[in-house]
Amino acid sequence: MPVCEVLPGVFHWTAVHPEIKVHVHCHYLEAPRALLDPLVPEEGLAWFERRGSPRHILLTNRLHSRASARFATRFGCDIWCNAEGLDHFGDGGELPGFEVRGFSAGDVLFGGVRSLRIGELCTDETAFWIPGAEPALAIADGIVRDERGQLSFVPDELIGDDPEAIKRALRDAYRRLLSLEFDHLLFAHGEPWIGGGKRALAEFVDR
């Protein structure tokens, strides 16, 4: 899927993940010039040169580095991950030769983007609140949007030894975010939910 502006200054595209061989979802926030969990779109890196080169890469968890190295090599982006996941990028880990910077849950980052602790599927699982005229919530793996367009969890075999307990904890984690102002959801796995996203999330966590 080509790059598409889904909200003012928020761009979305899909690309096939080279390891898991399925389409995953990526975003670019134009005002802070920040990528979320990026792969290269079909338009190539030149698309970003025309819009303004990205300065930052935000990972919703340590496993979503995807094509970060290509972007960082081309544009000199800073790569950011929750500090709980930085050990993943040590000697011999992913992104050798690149410094990955850490943030803590609750930190307000560039452009007013706020990091929010989820930390259930893994300790560094993070959501991001994205400010602006149309505030949005960016979600990693804790909740996905399935092929029917509905909110759901990943399959139980990907959740852990006690899937039901983790699902309850995930519902609690996302319920705590409902006090924030947003009406749109952006996913690492699934199409964006534009309009009515907060209501949909509230219904899902209370289901």
C-alpha atoms as a PDB file:
ATOM      1  CA  MET A   1       0.000   0.000   0.000  1.00  0.00           C
ATOM      2  CA  PRO A   2       1.403   3.443  -0.913  1.00  0.00           C
ATOM      3  CA  VAL A   3       1.909   6.227   1.586  1.00  0.00           C
ATOM      4  CA  CYS A   4      -1.390   7.895   2.483  1.00  0.00           C
ATOM      5  CA  GLU A   5      -2.138  10.870   4.756  1.00  0.00           C
ATOM      6  CA  VAL A   6      -4.699   9.512   7.225  1.00  0.00           C
ATOM      7  CA  LEU A   7      -4.720  12.546   9.548  1.00  0.00           C
ATOM      8  CA  PRO A   8      -3.253  16.018   9.102  1.00  0.00           C
ATOM      9  CA  GLY A   9       0.499  15.436   9.109  1.00  0.00           C
ATOM     10  CA  VAL A  10       0.184  11.698   9.871  1.00  0.00           C
ATOM     11  CA  PHE A  11       1.074   9.292   7.061  1.00  0.00           C
ATOM     12  CA  HIS A  12       0.465   5.539   6.895  1.00  0.00           C
ATOM     13  CA  TRP A  13       1.685   2.718   4.646  1.00  0.00           C
ATOM     14  CA  THR A  14       2.122  -1.032   4.674  1.00  0.00           C
ATOM     15  CA  ALA A  15       5.031  -3.203   3.595  1.00  0.00           C
ATOM     16  CA  VAL A  16       5.888  -6.881   3.810  1.00  0.00           C
ATOM     17  CA  HIS A  17       8.072  -7.648   6.810  1.00  0.00           C
ATOM     18  CA  PRO A  18      11.140  -9.480   5.477  1.00  0.00           C
ATOM     19  CA  GLU A  19      11.231 -11.963   8.360  1.00  0.00           C
ATOM     20  CA  ILE A  20       7.607 -12.806   9.151  1.00  0.00           C
ATOM     21  CA  LYS A  21       6.450 -12.357   5.511  1.00  0.00           C
ATOM     22  CA  VAL A  22       3.236 -10.502   6.314  1.00  0.00           C
ATOM     23  CA  HIS A  23       2.140  -6.918   5.769  1.00  0.00           C
ATOM     24  CA  VAL A  24       2.839  -4.675   8.737  1.00  0.00           C
ATOM     25  CA  HIS A  25       1.921  -1.046   9.278  1.00  0.00           C
ATOM     26  CA  CYS A  26       4.152   2.002   9.528  1.00  0.00           C
ATOM     27  CA  HIS A  27       3.644   5.722  10.135  1.00  0.00           C
ATOM     28  CA  TYR A  28       5.381   9.051   9.683  1.00  0.00           C
ATOM     29  CA  LEU A  29       4.610  12.082  11.852  1.00  0.00           C
ATOM     30  CA  GLU A  30       5.457  15.099   9.746  1.00  0.00           C
ATOM     31  CA  ALA A  31       5.636  17.827  12.417  1.00  0.00           C
ATOM     32  CA  PRO A  32       8.272  16.136  14.636  1.00  0.00           C
ATOM     33  CA  ARG A  33       9.640  14.322  11.541  1.00  0.00           C
ATOM     34  CA  ALA A  34       9.387  11.006  13.345  1.00  0.00           C
ATOM     35  CA  LEU A  35       8.896   7.494  11.971  1.00  0.00           C
ATOM     36  CA  LEU A  36       6.988   4.806  13.884  1.00  0.00           C
ATOM     37  CA  ASP A  37       8.215   1.199  13.447  1.00  0.00           C
ATOM     38  CA  PRO A  38       9.292   1.869   9.846  1.00  0.00           C
ATOM     39  CA  LEU A  39       9.737  -0.267   6.782  1.00  0.00           C
ATOM     40  CA  VAL A  40      10.498   1.362   3.424  1.00  0.00           C
ATOM     41  CA  PRO A  41       7.305   2.153   1.456  1.00  0.00           C
ATOM     42  CA  GLU A  42       6.867   1.321  -2.199  1.00  0.00           C
ATOM     43  CA  GLU A  43       7.757   4.926  -3.087  1.00  0.00           C
ATOM     44  CA  GLY A  44      11.197   4.364  -1.586  1.00  0.00           C
ATOM     45  CA  LEU A  45      13.275   6.614   0.642  1.00  0.00           C
ATOM     46  CA  ALA A  46      13.031   9.415  -1.908  1.00  0.00           C
ATOM     47  CA  TRP A  47       9.448  10.079  -0.738  1.00  0.00           C
ATOM     48  CA  PHE A  48      10.812  11.321   2.578  1.00  0.00           C
ATOM     49  CA  GLU A  49      13.383  13.538   0.908  1.00  0.00           C
ATOM     50  CA  ARG A  50      10.540  15.330  -0.865  1.00  0.00           C
ATOM     51  CA  ARG A  51       8.542  15.781   2.361  1.00  0.00           C
ATOM     52  CA  GLY A  52      11.427  16.614   4.696  1.00  0.00           C
ATOM     53  CA  SER A  53      13.928  14.066   5.890  1.00  0.00           C
ATOM     54  CA  PRO A  54      12.976  12.229   9.101  1.00  0.00           C
ATOM     55  CA  ARG A  55      14.978  13.035  12.203  1.00  0.00           C
ATOM     56  CA  HIS A  56      13.733  10.391  14.636  1.00  0.00           C
ATOM     57  CA  ILE A  57      12.612   6.764  14.697  1.00  0.00           C
ATOM     58  CA  LEU A  58      10.289   5.647  17.498  1.00  0.00           C
ATOM     59  CA  LEU A  59       9.964   1.952  18.305  1.00  0.00           C
ATOM     60  CA  THR A  60       6.822   0.802  20.066  1.00  0.00           C
ATOM     61  CA  ASN A  61       8.874  -2.160  21.279  1.00  0.00           C
ATOM     62  CA  ARG A  62      12.400  -3.442  20.759  1.00  0.00           C
ATOM     63  CA  LEU A  63      11.345  -5.989  18.127  1.00  0.00           C
ATOM     64  CA  HIS A  64       9.998  -3.318  15.761  1.00  0.00           C
ATOM     65  CA  SER A  65      13.299  -1.924  14.494  1.00  0.00           C
ATOM     66  CA  ARG A  66      12.353  -3.193  11.018  1.00  0.00           C
ATOM     67  CA  ALA A  67      14.186  -0.956   8.469  1.00  0.00           C
ATOM     68  CA  SER A  68      15.493   1.513  11.040  1.00  0.00           C
ATOM     69  CA  ALA A  69      19.086   0.963   9.936  1.00  0.00           C
ATOM     70  CA  ARG A  70      18.266   1.976   6.343  1.00  0.00           C
ATOM     71  CA  PHE A  71      16.573   5.168   7.462  1.00  0.00           C
ATOM     72  CA  ALA A  72      19.320   6.009   9.952  1.00  0.00           C
ATOM     73  CA  THR A  73      22.012   5.423   7.347  1.00  0.00           C
ATOM     74  CA  ARG A  74      20.275   7.626   4.761  1.00  0.00           C
ATOM     75  CA  PHE A  75      19.001  10.423   6.990  1.00  0.00           C
ATOM     76  CA  GLY A  76      21.016  10.253  10.201  1.00  0.00           C
ATOM     77  CA  CYS A  77      17.907   9.592  12.297  1.00  0.00           C
ATOM     78  CA  ASP A  78      18.097   9.114  16.034  1.00  0.00           C
ATOM     79  CA  ILE A  79      16.567   5.762  17.007  1.00  0.00           C
ATOM     80  CA  TRP A  80      14.511   5.633  20.217  1.00  0.00           C
ATOM     81  CA  CYS A  81      13.287   2.658  22.242  1.00  0.00           C
ATOM     82  CA  ASN A  82      11.896   2.244  25.741  1.00  0.00           C
ATOM     83  CA  ALA A  83      14.936   1.943  28.030  1.00  0.00           C
ATOM     84  CA  GLU A  84      13.618  -1.430  29.268  1.00  0.00           C
ATOM     85  CA  GLY A  85      14.475  -2.877  25.837  1.00  0.00           C
ATOM     86  CA  LEU A  86      17.903  -1.353  25.209  1.00  0.00           C
ATOM     87  CA  ASP A  87      19.767  -4.585  26.050  1.00  0.00           C
ATOM     88  CA  HIS A  88      18.353  -5.986  22.812  1.00  0.00           C
ATOM     89  CA  PHE A  89      20.636  -3.600  20.905  1.00  0.00           C
ATOM     90  CA  GLY A  90      23.895  -4.336  22.720  1.00  0.00           C
ATOM     91  CA  ASP A  91      26.992  -5.953  21.254  1.00  0.00           C
ATOM     92  CA  GLY A  92      25.942  -8.534  18.700  1.00  0.00           C
ATOM     93  CA  GLY A  93      22.283  -7.469  18.894  1.00  0.00           C
ATOM     94  CA  GLU A  94      20.117  -5.748  16.342  1.00  0.00           C
ATOM     95  CA  LEU A  95      21.248  -2.502  14.700  1.00  0.00           C
ATOM     96  CA  PRO A  96      25.005  -3.015  15.184  1.00  0.00           C
ATOM     97  CA  GLY A  97      26.870   0.226  14.701  1.00  0.00           C
ATOM     98  CA  PHE A  98      23.880   2.399  15.609  1.00  0.00           C
ATOM     99  CA  GLU A  99      23.240   4.031  18.949  1.00  0.00           C
ATOM    100  CA  VAL A 100      19.708   3.414  20.205  1.00  0.00           C
ATOM    101  CA  ARG A 101      18.540   6.005  22.702  1.00  0.00           C
ATOM    102  CA  GLY A 102      16.298   5.218  25.629  1.00  0.00           C
ATOM    103  CA  PHE A 103      13.219   6.903  26.984  1.00  0.00           C
ATOM    104  CA  SER A 104      11.118   6.138  30.044  1.00  0.00           C
ATOM    105  CA  ALA A 105       7.386   5.645  30.232  1.00  0.00           C
ATOM    106  CA  GLY A 106       5.714   9.005  30.696  1.00  0.00           C
ATOM    107  CA  ASP A 107       8.454  10.990  28.955  1.00  0.00           C
ATOM    108  CA  VAL A 108       7.318  13.771  26.649  1.00  0.00           C
ATOM    109  CA  LEU A 109       9.466  13.498  23.545  1.00  0.00           C
ATOM    110  CA  PHE A 110       9.995  15.686  20.474  1.00  0.00           C
ATOM    111  CA  GLY A 111       6.909  17.361  19.078  1.00  0.00           C
ATOM    112  CA  GLY A 112       5.010  16.691  22.302  1.00  0.00           C
ATOM    113  CA  VAL A 113       4.720  12.949  21.598  1.00  0.00           C
ATOM    114  CA  ARG A 114       4.227  11.224  24.950  1.00  0.00           C
ATOM    115  CA  SER A 115       5.396   7.705  25.781  1.00  0.00           C
ATOM    116  CA  LEU A 116       2.968   5.521  27.710  1.00  0.00           C
ATOM    117  CA  ARG A 117       3.759   2.297  29.545  1.00  0.00           C
ATOM    118  CA  ILE A 118       1.997  -0.898  28.448  1.00  0.00           C
ATOM    119  CA  GLY A 119       4.658  -3.448  29.410  1.00  0.00           C
ATOM    120  CA  GLU A 120       2.617  -6.665  29.367  1.00  0.00           C
ATOM    121  CA  LEU A 121       3.650  -8.671  26.299  1.00  0.00           C
ATOM    122  CA  CYS A 122       7.178  -7.438  27.020  1.00  0.00           C
ATOM    123  CA  THR A 123       8.565  -4.946  29.526  1.00  0.00           C
ATOM    124  CA  ASP A 124       9.346  -2.340  26.852  1.00  0.00           C
ATOM    125  CA  GLU A 125       5.928  -2.424  25.147  1.00  0.00           C
ATOM    126  CA  THR A 126       4.969   1.234  24.660  1.00  0.00           C
ATOM    127  CA  ALA A 127       2.062   3.252  23.330  1.00  0.00           C
ATOM    128  CA  PHE A 128       2.498   6.821  22.107  1.00  0.00           C
ATOM    129  CA  TRP A 129       0.066   9.690  22.468  1.00  0.00           C
ATOM    130  CA  ILE A 130       0.386  11.905  19.414  1.00  0.00           C
ATOM    131  CA  PRO A 131      -0.778  15.495  19.894  1.00  0.00           C
ATOM    132  CA  GLY A 132      -2.184  17.881  17.334  1.00  0.00           C
ATOM    133  CA  ALA A 133      -5.494  19.034  15.932  1.00  0.00           C
ATOM    134  CA  GLU A 134      -6.449  15.334  15.643  1.00  0.00           C
ATOM    135  CA  PRO A 135      -4.780  13.519  18.587  1.00  0.00           C
ATOM    136  CA  ALA A 136      -4.105   9.816  18.120  1.00  0.00           C
ATOM    137  CA  LEU A 137      -2.857   6.815  20.083  1.00  0.00           C
ATOM    138  CA  ALA A 138      -0.193   4.578  18.516  1.00  0.00           C
ATOM    139  CA  ILE A 139      -0.266   0.933  19.628  1.00  0.00           C
ATOM    140  CA  ALA A 140       2.389  -1.791  19.330  1.00  0.00           C
ATOM    141  CA  ASP A 141       1.493  -5.497  19.698  1.00  0.00           C
ATOM    142  CA  GLY A 142      -0.819  -5.367  22.715  1.00  0.00           C
ATOM    143  CA  ILE A 143      -3.888  -4.829  20.519  1.00  0.00           C
ATOM    144  CA  VAL A 144      -4.152  -5.357  16.782  1.00  0.00           C
ATOM    145  CA  ARG A 145      -6.811  -4.624  14.189  1.00  0.00           C
ATOM    146  CA  ASP A 146      -7.714  -7.852  12.436  1.00  0.00           C
ATOM    147  CA  GLU A 147      -8.743  -8.526   8.837  1.00  0.00           C
ATOM    148  CA  ARG A 148     -12.396  -7.920   9.739  1.00  0.00           C
ATOM    149  CA  GLY A 149     -11.472  -4.478  10.977  1.00  0.00           C
ATOM    150  CA  GLN A 150     -12.105  -5.396  14.614  1.00  0.00           C
ATOM    151  CA  LEU A 151      -9.838  -4.927  17.617  1.00  0.00           C
ATOM    152  CA  SER A 152      -8.354  -8.151  18.918  1.00  0.00           C
ATOM    153  CA  PHE A 153      -5.348  -9.742  20.576  1.00  0.00           C
ATOM    154  CA  VAL A 154      -2.637 -11.683  18.808  1.00  0.00           C
ATOM    155  CA  PRO A 155      -3.046 -15.499  18.894  1.00  0.00           C
ATOM    156  CA  ASP A 156      -2.631 -17.093  22.306  1.00  0.00           C
ATOM    157  CA  GLU A 157       0.557 -18.896  21.295  1.00  0.00           C
ATOM    158  CA  LEU A 158       2.228 -15.493  20.824  1.00  0.00           C
ATOM    159  CA  ILE A 159       1.076 -14.063  24.142  1.00  0.00           C
ATOM    160  CA  GLY A 160       2.792 -16.201  26.771  1.00  0.00           C
ATOM    161  CA  ASP A 161       2.298 -18.993  29.283  1.00  0.00           C
ATOM    162  CA  ASP A 162      -0.928 -17.545  30.715  1.00  0.00           C
ATOM    163  CA  PRO A 163      -2.723 -15.809  27.831  1.00  0.00           C
ATOM    164  CA  GLU A 164      -5.893 -14.972  29.735  1.00  0.00           C
ATOM    165  CA  ALA A 165      -3.998 -13.270  32.557  1.00  0.00           C
ATOM    166  CA  ILE A 166      -1.970 -11.231  30.085  1.00  0.00           C
ATOM    167  CA  LYS A 167      -5.120 -10.243  28.186  1.00  0.00           C
ATOM    168  CA  ARG A 168      -6.652  -8.993  31.416  1.00  0.00           C
ATOM    169  CA  ALA A 169      -3.503  -7.002  32.146  1.00  0.00           C
ATOM    170  CA  LEU A 170      -3.517  -5.553  28.632  1.00  0.00           C
ATOM    171  CA  ARG A 171      -7.138  -4.479  28.997  1.00  0.00           C
ATOM    172  CA  ASP A 172      -6.235  -2.764  32.276  1.00  0.00           C
ATOM    173  CA  ALA A 173      -3.212  -1.058  30.692  1.00  0.00           C
ATOM    174  CA  TYR A 174      -5.222   0.365  27.805  1.00  0.00           C
ATOM    175  CA  ARG A 175      -8.165   1.260  30.046  1.00  0.00           C
ATOM    176  CA  ARG A 176      -5.825   3.585  31.933  1.00  0.00           C
ATOM    177  CA  LEU A 177      -5.145   5.489  28.695  1.00  0.00           C
ATOM    178  CA  LEU A 178      -8.786   6.354  28.125  1.00  0.00           C
ATOM    179  CA  SER A 179      -8.382   9.507  30.201  1.00  0.00           C
ATOM    180  CA  LEU A 180      -6.274  10.967  27.383  1.00  0.00           C
ATOM    181  CA  GLU A 181      -7.738  13.005  24.554  1.00  0.00           C
ATOM    182  CA  PHE A 182      -7.697  11.081  21.239  1.00  0.00           C
ATOM    183  CA  ASP A 183     -10.156   9.810  18.667  1.00  0.00           C
ATOM    184  CA  HIS A 184      -7.875   7.813  16.362  1.00  0.00           C
ATOM    185  CA  LEU A 185      -5.796   4.644  16.696  1.00  0.00           C
ATOM    186  CA  LEU A 186      -2.613   3.790  14.812  1.00  0.00           C
ATOM    187  CA  PHE A 187      -1.416   0.189  14.831  1.00  0.00           C
ATOM    188  CA  ALA A 188       1.820  -1.647  14.148  1.00  0.00           C
ATOM    189  CA  HIS A 189      -0.450  -4.481  12.982  1.00  0.00           C
ATOM    190  CA  GLY A 190      -3.665  -3.334  11.360  1.00  0.00           C
ATOM    191  CA  GLU A 191      -5.268  -0.484   9.463  1.00  0.00           C
ATOM    192  CA  PRO A 192      -5.584   2.853  11.286  1.00  0.00           C
ATOM    193  CA  TRP A 193      -8.886   3.466  13.057  1.00  0.00           C
ATOM    194  CA  ILE A 194      -9.778   7.002  12.040  1.00  0.00           C
ATOM    195  CA  GLY A 195     -12.657   8.524  13.987  1.00  0.00           C
ATOM    196  CA  GLY A 196     -14.325   6.772  16.910  1.00  0.00           C
ATOM    197  CA  GLY A 197     -11.106   5.063  17.980  1.00  0.00           C
ATOM    198  CA  LYS A 198     -11.401   5.961  21.640  1.00  0.00           C
ATOM    199  CA  ARG A 199     -14.945   4.614  21.808  1.00  0.00           C
ATOM    200  CA  ALA A 200     -13.860   1.415  20.054  1.00  0.00           C
ATOM    201  CA  LEU A 201     -10.968   0.969  22.477  1.00  0.00           C
ATOM    202  CA  ALA A 202     -13.231   1.558  25.482  1.00  0.00           C
ATOM    203  CA  GLU A 203     -15.690  -1.043  24.241  1.00  0.00           C
ATOM    204  CA  PHE A 204     -12.901  -3.538  23.599  1.00  0.00           C
ATOM    205  CA  VAL A 205     -11.250  -3.270  27.012  1.00  0.00           C
ATOM    206  CA  ASP A 206     -14.609  -3.587  28.772  1.00  0.00           C
ATOM    207  CA  ARG A 207     -15.825  -6.481  26.633  1.00  0.00           C
END
